[in-house]
């Protein structure tokens, strides 16, 4: 089972002119996406 966590570096996040709201939404979105994938794999095992 392979779980890939992709995190852009902080410098890149700061240098690219994104608002804090957008960064938070993006990170939450990524977390939810990974949770979904993990749950899907878990249900397939059952």
C-alpha atoms as a PDB file:
ATOM      1  CA  UNK A   1       0.000   0.000   0.000  1.00  0.00           C
ATOM      2  CA  UNK A   2       1.478   3.286  -1.081  1.00  0.00           C
ATOM      3  CA  UNK A   3       0.352   6.622   0.316  1.00  0.00           C
ATOM      4  CA  UNK A   4       1.910   9.649  -1.310  1.00  0.00           C
ATOM      5  CA  UNK A   5       1.898  12.942   0.557  1.00  0.00           C
ATOM      6  CA  UNK A   6       2.691  15.911  -1.622  1.00  0.00           C
ATOM      7  CA  UNK A   7       3.504  19.125   0.181  1.00  0.00           C
ATOM      8  CA  UNK A   8       4.751  22.187  -1.663  1.00  0.00           C
ATOM      9  CA  UNK A   9       7.636  23.864   0.131  1.00  0.00           C
ATOM     10  CA  UNK A  10       6.808  26.834   2.345  1.00  0.00           C
ATOM     11  CA  UNK A  11       9.040  29.160   0.327  1.00  0.00           C
ATOM     12  CA  UNK A  12       7.118  28.321  -2.838  1.00  0.00           C
ATOM     13  CA  UNK A  13       3.787  28.841  -1.062  1.00  0.00           C
ATOM     14  CA  UNK A  14       4.900  32.221   0.233  1.00  0.00           C
ATOM     15  CA  UNK A  15       6.583  33.321  -2.997  1.00  0.00           C
ATOM     16  CA  UNK A  16       3.544  32.474  -5.110  1.00  0.00           C
ATOM     17  CA  UNK A  17       1.120  35.265  -4.270  1.00  0.00           C
ATOM     18  CA  UNK A  18      -1.712  33.266  -2.776  1.00  0.00           C
ATOM     19  CA  UNK A  19      -3.944  34.499  -0.006  1.00  0.00           C
ATOM     20  CA  UNK A  20      -3.943  32.602   3.315  1.00  0.00           C
ATOM     21  CA  UNK A  21      -7.568  31.602   2.703  1.00  0.00           C
ATOM     22  CA  UNK A  22      -6.597  29.967  -0.580  1.00  0.00           C
ATOM     23  CA  UNK A  23      -3.674  28.113   1.010  1.00  0.00           C
ATOM     24  CA  UNK A  24      -5.916  26.810   3.814  1.00  0.00           C
ATOM     25  CA  UNK A  25      -8.622  25.718   1.358  1.00  0.00           C
ATOM     26  CA  UNK A  26      -5.999  24.005  -0.780  1.00  0.00           C
ATOM     27  CA  UNK A  27      -4.456  22.091   2.126  1.00  0.00           C
ATOM     28  CA  UNK A  28      -7.890  21.024   3.421  1.00  0.00           C
ATOM     29  CA  UNK A  29      -8.834  19.912  -0.073  1.00  0.00           C
ATOM     30  CA  UNK A  30      -5.670  17.850  -0.378  1.00  0.00           C
ATOM     31  CA  UNK A  31      -6.240  16.262   3.043  1.00  0.00           C
ATOM     32  CA  UNK A  32      -9.829  15.344   2.149  1.00  0.00           C
ATOM     33  CA  UNK A  33      -8.686  13.879  -1.161  1.00  0.00           C
ATOM     34  CA  UNK A  34      -6.105  11.692   0.582  1.00  0.00           C
ATOM     35  CA  UNK A  35      -8.607  10.616   3.239  1.00  0.00           C
ATOM     36  CA  UNK A  36     -11.009   9.618   0.464  1.00  0.00           C
ATOM     37  CA  UNK A  37      -8.337   7.522  -1.254  1.00  0.00           C
ATOM     38  CA  UNK A  38      -7.350   5.834   2.021  1.00  0.00           C
ATOM     39  CA  UNK A  39     -10.985   5.044   2.898  1.00  0.00           C
ATOM     40  CA  UNK A  40     -11.576   3.685  -0.606  1.00  0.00           C
ATOM     41  CA  UNK A  41      -8.593   1.336  -0.292  1.00  0.00           C
ATOM     42  CA  UNK A  42      -9.717   0.287   3.181  1.00  0.00           C
ATOM     43  CA  UNK A  43     -13.228  -0.543   1.985  1.00  0.00           C
ATOM     44  CA  UNK A  44     -11.836  -2.551  -0.929  1.00  0.00           C
ATOM     45  CA  UNK A  45      -9.923  -4.709   1.584  1.00  0.00           C
ATOM     46  CA  UNK A  46     -13.049  -5.463   3.641  1.00  0.00           C
END
